[in-house]
C-alpha atoms as a PDB file:
ATOM      1  CA  UNK A   1     -32.419  54.281  20.389  1.00  0.00           C
ATOM      2  CA  UNK A   2     -33.721  56.563  23.105  1.00  0.00           C
ATOM      3  CA  UNK A   3     -36.509  57.703  20.762  1.00  0.00           C
ATOM      4  CA  UNK A   4     -37.627  54.122  20.154  1.00  0.00           C
ATOM      5  CA  UNK A   5     -37.637  53.351  23.877  1.00  0.00           C
ATOM      6  CA  UNK A   6     -39.655  56.522  24.531  1.00  0.00           C
ATOM      7  CA  UNK A   7     -42.285  55.537  21.950  1.00  0.00           C
ATOM      8  CA  UNK A   8     -42.677  52.069  23.456  1.00  0.00           C
ATOM      9  CA  UNK A   9     -42.917  53.566  26.959  1.00  0.00           C
ATOM     10  CA  UNK A  10     -45.689  55.915  25.824  1.00  0.00           C
ATOM     11  CA  UNK A  11     -47.575  53.032  24.209  1.00  0.00           C
ATOM     12  CA  UNK A  12     -47.294  50.979  27.380  1.00  0.00           C
ATOM     13  CA  UNK A  13     -48.667  53.927  29.354  1.00  0.00           C
ATOM     14  CA  UNK A  14     -51.550  54.627  26.967  1.00  0.00           C
ATOM     15  CA  UNK A  15     -52.544  51.110  25.899  1.00  0.00           C
ATOM     16  CA  UNK A  16     -55.852  50.121  27.443  1.00  0.00           C
ATOM     17  CA  UNK A  17     -56.389  53.498  29.124  1.00  0.00           C
ATOM     18  CA  UNK A  18     -57.091  55.805  26.162  1.00  0.00           C
ATOM     19  CA  UNK A  19     -57.831  53.763  23.065  1.00  0.00           C
ATOM     20  CA  UNK A  20     -56.663  50.625  21.352  1.00  0.00           C
ATOM     21  CA  UNK A  21     -53.547  51.445  19.321  1.00  0.00           C
ATOM     22  CA  UNK A  22     -53.445  49.131  16.328  1.00  0.00           C
ATOM     23  CA  UNK A  23     -52.038  51.201  13.438  1.00  0.00           C
ATOM     24  CA  UNK A  24     -49.208  53.718  13.254  1.00  0.00           C
ATOM     25  CA  UNK A  25     -47.853  55.906  10.480  1.00  0.00           C
ATOM     26  CA  UNK A  26     -44.203  56.865  10.730  1.00  0.00           C
ATOM     27  CA  UNK A  27     -43.038  59.895   8.752  1.00  0.00           C
ATOM     28  CA  UNK A  28     -39.465  59.169   7.678  1.00  0.00           C
ATOM     29  CA  UNK A  29     -37.717  56.020   6.513  1.00  0.00           C
ATOM     30  CA  UNK A  30     -34.320  56.648   8.042  1.00  0.00           C
ATOM     31  CA  UNK A  31     -32.642  54.666  10.805  1.00  0.00           C
ATOM     32  CA  UNK A  32     -34.900  56.053  13.542  1.00  0.00           C
ATOM     33  CA  UNK A  33     -38.124  55.649  11.561  1.00  0.00           C
ATOM     34  CA  UNK A  34     -37.351  52.106  10.445  1.00  0.00           C
ATOM     35  CA  UNK A  35     -36.181  51.018  13.906  1.00  0.00           C
ATOM     36  CA  UNK A  36     -39.377  52.414  15.421  1.00  0.00           C
ATOM     37  CA  UNK A  37     -41.387  50.632  12.741  1.00  0.00           C
ATOM     38  CA  UNK A  38     -39.680  47.343  13.539  1.00  0.00           C
ATOM     39  CA  UNK A  39     -40.342  47.821  17.265  1.00  0.00           C
ATOM     40  CA  UNK A  40     -44.039  48.536  16.728  1.00  0.00           C
ATOM     41  CA  UNK A  41     -44.414  45.568  14.378  1.00  0.00           C
ATOM     42  CA  UNK A  42     -42.895  43.356  17.050  1.00  0.00           C
ATOM     43  CA  UNK A  43     -45.455  44.792  19.467  1.00  0.00           C
ATOM     44  CA  UNK A  44     -48.225  43.574  17.154  1.00  0.00           C
ATOM     45  CA  UNK A  45     -49.160  46.839  15.477  1.00  0.00           C
ATOM     46  CA  UNK A  46     -49.832  47.554  11.818  1.00  0.00           C
ATOM     47  CA  UNK A  47     -47.207  49.997  10.560  1.00  0.00           C
ATOM     48  CA  UNK A  48     -46.799  52.246   7.531  1.00  0.00           C
ATOM     49  CA  UNK A  49     -43.411  53.939   7.089  1.00  0.00           C
ATOM     50  CA  UNK A  50     -43.761  56.952   4.767  1.00  0.00           C
ATOM     51  CA  UNK A  51     -40.475  57.936   3.083  1.00  0.00           C
ATOM     52  CA  UNK A  52     -40.380  60.995   0.834  1.00  0.00           C
ATOM     53  CA  UNK A  53     -37.442  59.751  -1.283  1.00  0.00           C
ATOM     54  CA  UNK A  54     -37.831  57.283  -4.140  1.00  0.00           C
ATOM     55  CA  UNK A  55     -35.669  54.693  -2.346  1.00  0.00           C
ATOM     56  CA  UNK A  56     -34.473  53.785   1.125  1.00  0.00           C
ATOM     57  CA  UNK A  57     -31.063  55.419   1.474  1.00  0.00           C
ATOM     58  CA  UNK A  58     -28.898  56.934   4.181  1.00  0.00           C
ATOM     59  CA  UNK A  59     -26.618  59.972   4.188  1.00  0.00           C
ATOM     60  CA  UNK A  60     -23.189  59.731   5.748  1.00  0.00           C
ATOM     61  CA  UNK A  61     -20.655  56.957   6.078  1.00  0.00           C
ATOM     62  CA  UNK A  62     -20.480  55.011   9.331  1.00  0.00           C
ATOM     63  CA  UNK A  63     -22.312  54.948  12.625  1.00  0.00           C
ATOM     64  CA  UNK A  64     -21.036  53.745  15.991  1.00  0.00           C
ATOM     65  CA  UNK A  65     -23.442  51.580  18.001  1.00  0.00           C
ATOM     66  CA  UNK A  66     -22.605  51.102  21.669  1.00  0.00           C
ATOM     67  CA  UNK A  67     -23.554  47.963  23.538  1.00  0.00           C
ATOM     68  CA  UNK A  68     -26.919  49.237  24.726  1.00  0.00           C
ATOM     69  CA  UNK A  69     -27.978  50.078  21.168  1.00  0.00           C
ATOM     70  CA  UNK A  70     -26.846  46.649  19.963  1.00  0.00           C
ATOM     71  CA  UNK A  71     -28.947  45.111  22.750  1.00  0.00           C
ATOM     72  CA  UNK A  72     -32.010  46.960  21.455  1.00  0.00           C
ATOM     73  CA  UNK A  73     -31.442  45.547  17.974  1.00  0.00           C
ATOM     74  CA  UNK A  74     -30.979  42.085  19.498  1.00  0.00           C
ATOM     75  CA  UNK A  75     -34.367  42.447  21.195  1.00  0.00           C
ATOM     76  CA  UNK A  76     -35.862  43.425  17.834  1.00  0.00           C
ATOM     77  CA  UNK A  77     -34.228  40.401  16.157  1.00  0.00           C
ATOM     78  CA  UNK A  78     -32.175  42.620  13.829  1.00  0.00           C
ATOM     79  CA  UNK A  79     -28.682  41.192  13.271  1.00  0.00           C
ATOM     80  CA  UNK A  80     -26.637  44.410  13.148  1.00  0.00           C
ATOM     81  CA  UNK A  81     -23.428  42.446  13.661  1.00  0.00           C
ATOM     82  CA  UNK A  82     -23.835  41.105  10.136  1.00  0.00           C
ATOM     83  CA  UNK A  83     -23.261  44.607   8.732  1.00  0.00           C
ATOM     84  CA  UNK A  84     -20.806  45.854  11.356  1.00  0.00           C
ATOM     85  CA  UNK A  85     -17.291  45.543  12.653  1.00  0.00           C
ATOM     86  CA  UNK A  86     -16.172  45.614  16.267  1.00  0.00           C
ATOM     87  CA  UNK A  87     -14.142  48.646  17.328  1.00  0.00           C
ATOM     88  CA  UNK A  88     -12.861  50.326  20.492  1.00  0.00           C
ATOM     89  CA  UNK A  89     -12.710  53.939  21.645  1.00  0.00           C
ATOM     90  CA  UNK A  90     -10.579  55.595  24.315  1.00  0.00           C
ATOM     91  CA  UNK A  91     -10.500  59.246  25.381  1.00  0.00           C
ATOM     92  CA  UNK A  92      -7.389  61.356  25.843  1.00  0.00           C
ATOM     93  CA  UNK A  93      -6.833  64.744  27.451  1.00  0.00           C
ATOM     94  CA  UNK A  94      -5.412  67.772  25.641  1.00  0.00           C
ATOM     95  CA  UNK A  95      -1.866  66.779  26.651  1.00  0.00           C
ATOM     96  CA  UNK A  96      -2.328  63.273  25.294  1.00  0.00           C
ATOM     97  CA  UNK A  97      -2.826  61.426  28.584  1.00  0.00           C
ATOM     98  CA  UNK A  98      -5.331  58.581  28.616  1.00  0.00           C
ATOM     99  CA  UNK A  99      -8.494  59.489  30.502  1.00  0.00           C
ATOM    100  CA  UNK A 100      -9.835  56.718  32.678  1.00  0.00           C
ATOM    101  CA  UNK A 101     -13.264  56.401  34.225  1.00  0.00           C
ATOM    102  CA  UNK A 102     -13.280  54.182  37.350  1.00  0.00           C
ATOM    103  CA  UNK A 103     -16.730  52.723  36.697  1.00  0.00           C
ATOM    104  CA  UNK A 104     -15.937  51.865  33.067  1.00  0.00           C
ATOM    105  CA  UNK A 105     -14.808  48.345  32.206  1.00  0.00           C
ATOM    106  CA  UNK A 106     -13.188  47.174  28.981  1.00  0.00           C
ATOM    107  CA  UNK A 107     -16.601  46.383  27.521  1.00  0.00           C
ATOM    108  CA  UNK A 108     -17.626  50.035  27.888  1.00  0.00           C
ATOM    109  CA  UNK A 109     -14.975  51.037  25.336  1.00  0.00           C
ATOM    110  CA  UNK A 110     -16.230  48.604  22.719  1.00  0.00           C
ATOM    111  CA  UNK A 111     -18.793  49.423  20.074  1.00  0.00           C
ATOM    112  CA  UNK A 112     -19.973  48.259  16.675  1.00  0.00           C
ATOM    113  CA  UNK A 113     -19.029  50.288  13.590  1.00  0.00           C
ATOM    114  CA  UNK A 114     -21.697  49.947  10.901  1.00  0.00           C
ATOM    115  CA  UNK A 115     -22.217  51.502   7.473  1.00  0.00           C
ATOM    116  CA  UNK A 116     -25.358  53.651   7.513  1.00  0.00           C
ATOM    117  CA  UNK A 117     -26.628  52.478   4.121  1.00  0.00           C
ATOM    118  CA  UNK A 118     -26.166  48.817   5.069  1.00  0.00           C
ATOM    119  CA  UNK A 119     -27.982  49.357   8.359  1.00  0.00           C
ATOM    120  CA  UNK A 120     -30.850  51.133   6.586  1.00  0.00           C
ATOM    121  CA  UNK A 121     -31.186  48.261   4.106  1.00  0.00           C
ATOM    122  CA  UNK A 122     -31.159  45.726   6.932  1.00  0.00           C
ATOM    123  CA  UNK A 123     -33.841  47.637   8.833  1.00  0.00           C
ATOM    124  CA  UNK A 124     -35.991  48.036   5.716  1.00  0.00           C
ATOM    125  CA  UNK A 125     -35.883  44.273   5.199  1.00  0.00           C
ATOM    126  CA  UNK A 126     -36.863  43.691   8.826  1.00  0.00           C
ATOM    127  CA  UNK A 127     -39.820  46.082   8.508  1.00  0.00           C
ATOM    128  CA  UNK A 128     -40.808  44.643   5.130  1.00  0.00           C
ATOM    129  CA  UNK A 129     -41.040  46.676   1.946  1.00  0.00           C
ATOM    130  CA  UNK A 130     -44.771  46.041   1.915  1.00  0.00           C
ATOM    131  CA  UNK A 131     -44.980  48.271   5.004  1.00  0.00           C
ATOM    132  CA  UNK A 132     -42.935  51.075   3.412  1.00  0.00           C
ATOM    133  CA  UNK A 133     -44.406  53.682   1.078  1.00  0.00           C
ATOM    134  CA  UNK A 134     -41.844  55.545  -1.039  1.00  0.00           C
ATOM    135  CA  UNK A 135     -42.251  59.026  -2.532  1.00  0.00           C
ATOM    136  CA  UNK A 136     -44.689  59.730   0.277  1.00  0.00           C
ATOM    137  CA  UNK A 137     -44.011  63.176   1.718  1.00  0.00           C
ATOM    138  CA  UNK A 138     -46.227  64.131   4.663  1.00  0.00           C
ATOM    139  CA  UNK A 139     -47.841  67.504   3.940  1.00  0.00           C
ATOM    140  CA  UNK A 140     -49.948  67.748   7.083  1.00  0.00           C
ATOM    141  CA  UNK A 141     -52.302  65.950   9.420  1.00  0.00           C
ATOM    142  CA  UNK A 142     -55.649  66.356  11.125  1.00  0.00           C
ATOM    143  CA  UNK A 143     -56.401  65.005  14.580  1.00  0.00           C
ATOM    144  CA  UNK A 144     -59.748  63.388  15.385  1.00  0.00           C
ATOM    145  CA  UNK A 145     -61.175  62.168  18.647  1.00  0.00           C
ATOM    146  CA  UNK A 146     -59.593  58.712  18.376  1.00  0.00           C
ATOM    147  CA  UNK A 147     -57.443  58.812  15.246  1.00  0.00           C
ATOM    148  CA  UNK A 148     -55.339  61.003  12.987  1.00  0.00           C
ATOM    149  CA  UNK A 149     -55.604  61.568   9.227  1.00  0.00           C
ATOM    150  CA  UNK A 150     -52.283  62.089   7.463  1.00  0.00           C
ATOM    151  CA  UNK A 151     -52.190  64.086   4.223  1.00  0.00           C
ATOM    152  CA  UNK A 152     -49.479  63.423   1.656  1.00  0.00           C
ATOM    153  CA  UNK A 153     -48.129  65.814  -0.950  1.00  0.00           C
ATOM    154  CA  UNK A 154     -49.739  63.822  -3.776  1.00  0.00           C
ATOM    155  CA  UNK A 155     -53.183  64.492  -2.286  1.00  0.00           C
ATOM    156  CA  UNK A 156     -53.743  61.021  -0.832  1.00  0.00           C
ATOM    157  CA  UNK A 157     -54.570  60.392   2.818  1.00  0.00           C
ATOM    158  CA  UNK A 158     -54.112  57.634   5.378  1.00  0.00           C
ATOM    159  CA  UNK A 159     -55.735  57.210   8.766  1.00  0.00           C
ATOM    160  CA  UNK A 160     -54.089  55.702  11.842  1.00  0.00           C
ATOM    161  CA  UNK A 161     -54.195  55.726  15.642  1.00  0.00           C
ATOM    162  CA  UNK A 162     -50.724  57.217  15.933  1.00  0.00           C
ATOM    163  CA  UNK A 163     -48.477  59.463  13.839  1.00  0.00           C
ATOM    164  CA  UNK A 164     -44.753  59.477  14.638  1.00  0.00           C
ATOM    165  CA  UNK A 165     -42.376  62.149  13.338  1.00  0.00           C
ATOM    166  CA  UNK A 166     -39.031  60.716  12.253  1.00  0.00           C
ATOM    167  CA  UNK A 167     -38.581  62.904   9.197  1.00  0.00           C
ATOM    168  CA  UNK A 168     -35.437  64.760  10.173  1.00  0.00           C
ATOM    169  CA  UNK A 169     -34.339  68.159  11.401  1.00  0.00           C
ATOM    170  CA  UNK A 170     -36.869  70.074   9.295  1.00  0.00           C
ATOM    171  CA  UNK A 171     -39.777  67.797  10.136  1.00  0.00           C
ATOM    172  CA  UNK A 172     -43.111  68.993   8.770  1.00  0.00           C
ATOM    173  CA  UNK A 173     -44.923  66.921  11.374  1.00  0.00           C
ATOM    174  CA  UNK A 174     -42.983  68.331  14.307  1.00  0.00           C
ATOM    175  CA  UNK A 175     -43.273  71.901  13.007  1.00  0.00           C
ATOM    176  CA  UNK A 176     -47.059  71.546  13.007  1.00  0.00           C
ATOM    177  CA  UNK A 177     -47.165  70.692  16.729  1.00  0.00           C
ATOM    178  CA  UNK A 178     -48.043  73.850  18.752  1.00  0.00           C
ATOM    179  CA  UNK A 179     -45.299  75.284  20.955  1.00  0.00           C
ATOM    180  CA  UNK A 180     -45.520  76.035  24.652  1.00  0.00           C
ATOM    181  CA  UNK A 181     -43.663  78.925  26.197  1.00  0.00           C
ATOM    182  CA  UNK A 182     -39.919  78.610  26.459  1.00  0.00           C
ATOM    183  CA  UNK A 183     -37.189  78.012  23.905  1.00  0.00           C
ATOM    184  CA  UNK A 184     -37.704  74.734  22.103  1.00  0.00           C
ATOM    185  CA  UNK A 185     -40.642  73.696  24.290  1.00  0.00           C
ATOM    186  CA  UNK A 186     -43.426  71.785  22.595  1.00  0.00           C
ATOM    187  CA  UNK A 187     -46.621  70.075  23.552  1.00  0.00           C
ATOM    188  CA  UNK A 188     -46.185  66.718  25.225  1.00  0.00           C
ATOM    189  CA  UNK A 189     -46.637  63.831  22.769  1.00  0.00           C
ATOM    190  CA  UNK A 190     -50.022  62.131  22.919  1.00  0.00           C
ATOM    191  CA  UNK A 191     -52.334  59.834  21.047  1.00  0.00           C
ATOM    192  CA  UNK A 192     -55.307  61.182  19.160  1.00  0.00           C
ATOM    193  CA  UNK A 193     -58.164  61.408  21.640  1.00  0.00           C
ATOM    194  CA  UNK A 194     -55.937  61.950  24.686  1.00  0.00           C
ATOM    195  CA  UNK A 195     -56.659  65.599  25.416  1.00  0.00           C
ATOM    196  CA  UNK A 196     -54.701  65.655  28.648  1.00  0.00           C
ATOM    197  CA  UNK A 197     -51.255  65.035  27.154  1.00  0.00           C
ATOM    198  CA  UNK A 198     -50.327  63.076  30.275  1.00  0.00           C
ATOM    199  CA  UNK A 199     -46.810  62.045  29.305  1.00  0.00           C
ATOM    200  CA  UNK A 200     -44.096  64.669  29.707  1.00  0.00           C
ATOM    201  CA  UNK A 201     -41.552  65.572  27.035  1.00  0.00           C
ATOM    202  CA  UNK A 202     -37.867  65.773  27.827  1.00  0.00           C
ATOM    203  CA  UNK A 203     -36.779  69.451  27.714  1.00  0.00           C
ATOM    204  CA  UNK A 204     -33.845  70.553  25.616  1.00  0.00           C
ATOM    205  CA  UNK A 205     -30.720  71.382  27.539  1.00  0.00           C
ATOM    206  CA  UNK A 206     -27.394  72.946  26.526  1.00  0.00           C
ATOM    207  CA  UNK A 207     -24.704  70.556  25.349  1.00  0.00           C
ATOM    208  CA  UNK A 208     -22.621  69.436  28.280  1.00  0.00           C
ATOM    209  CA  UNK A 209     -20.266  66.686  29.292  1.00  0.00           C
ATOM    210  CA  UNK A 210     -22.136  63.523  29.990  1.00  0.00           C
ATOM    211  CA  UNK A 211     -21.424  59.814  30.126  1.00  0.00           C
ATOM    212  CA  UNK A 212     -23.101  56.953  28.317  1.00  0.00           C
ATOM    213  CA  UNK A 213     -24.276  55.642  31.644  1.00  0.00           C
ATOM    214  CA  UNK A 214     -26.220  58.856  32.285  1.00  0.00           C
ATOM    215  CA  UNK A 215     -27.641  58.994  28.744  1.00  0.00           C
ATOM    216  CA  UNK A 216     -27.569  55.504  27.217  1.00  0.00           C
ATOM    217  CA  UNK A 217     -28.304  56.560  23.638  1.00  0.00           C
ATOM    218  CA  UNK A 218     -25.211  58.657  23.003  1.00  0.00           C
ATOM    219  CA  UNK A 219     -21.520  58.492  23.619  1.00  0.00           C
ATOM    220  CA  UNK A 220     -20.166  61.096  25.990  1.00  0.00           C
ATOM    221  CA  UNK A 221     -19.147  64.516  24.716  1.00  0.00           C
ATOM    222  CA  UNK A 222     -16.287  66.475  26.221  1.00  0.00           C
ATOM    223  CA  UNK A 223     -13.383  68.760  25.418  1.00  0.00           C
ATOM    224  CA  UNK A 224     -10.978  65.945  24.719  1.00  0.00           C
ATOM    225  CA  UNK A 225      -9.729  63.753  21.915  1.00  0.00           C
ATOM    226  CA  UNK A 226     -10.794  60.190  21.205  1.00  0.00           C
ATOM    227  CA  UNK A 227      -8.882  57.368  19.592  1.00  0.00           C
ATOM    228  CA  UNK A 228     -10.612  54.513  17.868  1.00  0.00           C
ATOM    229  CA  UNK A 229      -9.431  51.217  16.519  1.00  0.00           C
ATOM    230  CA  UNK A 230     -11.365  48.687  14.508  1.00  0.00           C
ATOM    231  CA  UNK A 231     -10.635  45.044  15.022  1.00  0.00           C
ATOM    232  CA  UNK A 232     -11.689  41.839  13.366  1.00  0.00           C
ATOM    233  CA  UNK A 233     -13.939  39.740  15.638  1.00  0.00           C
ATOM    234  CA  UNK A 234     -12.343  36.528  16.813  1.00  0.00           C
END
């Protein structure tokens, strides 16, 4: 959800100062792309989600959504609880002792376990299949003063104010963005026509122990074991 929040923050910063943003093309119809599409639709924008596969599908089995992520879906009027099941997670040390965090309450151990395919279907319905183009692989793009032209592998093109890369680890869109110096550094995201690139990008950092309070989009990672239990909502 951090990516969706970042996109909305950038739009809030740019809207009215650079150009009117009315249409966005999102490369990738996975969970991130569809959630972003739903958020932009709710903000009043025209959205086209371009998915290279011939159907909306998701790889993997289940996905854990913590309370902050569920709150984002609530704000977007997407009922993720209808495709999920409440669960709890606790962390244990290498000797088996329960690890406690003073600032964590019982609610901080609870999350929603959802099936990825069911969540993708739910998000696709919320975006609307009329706003999704299947078998649409982004081959490249060309920036103009106040817009961007997206080229697809079938030779067709679409023009929009904003192009968002949500097409996975080997993103063709992201790979086409020039790099700055430094490992993993890239140009700050910007709208077509904004030559200053005013908004800063978050740098990559080595994996380290962190808490969900410090980084609200992910559960904490550490050298310990975790126990989970699913429970039927009462």
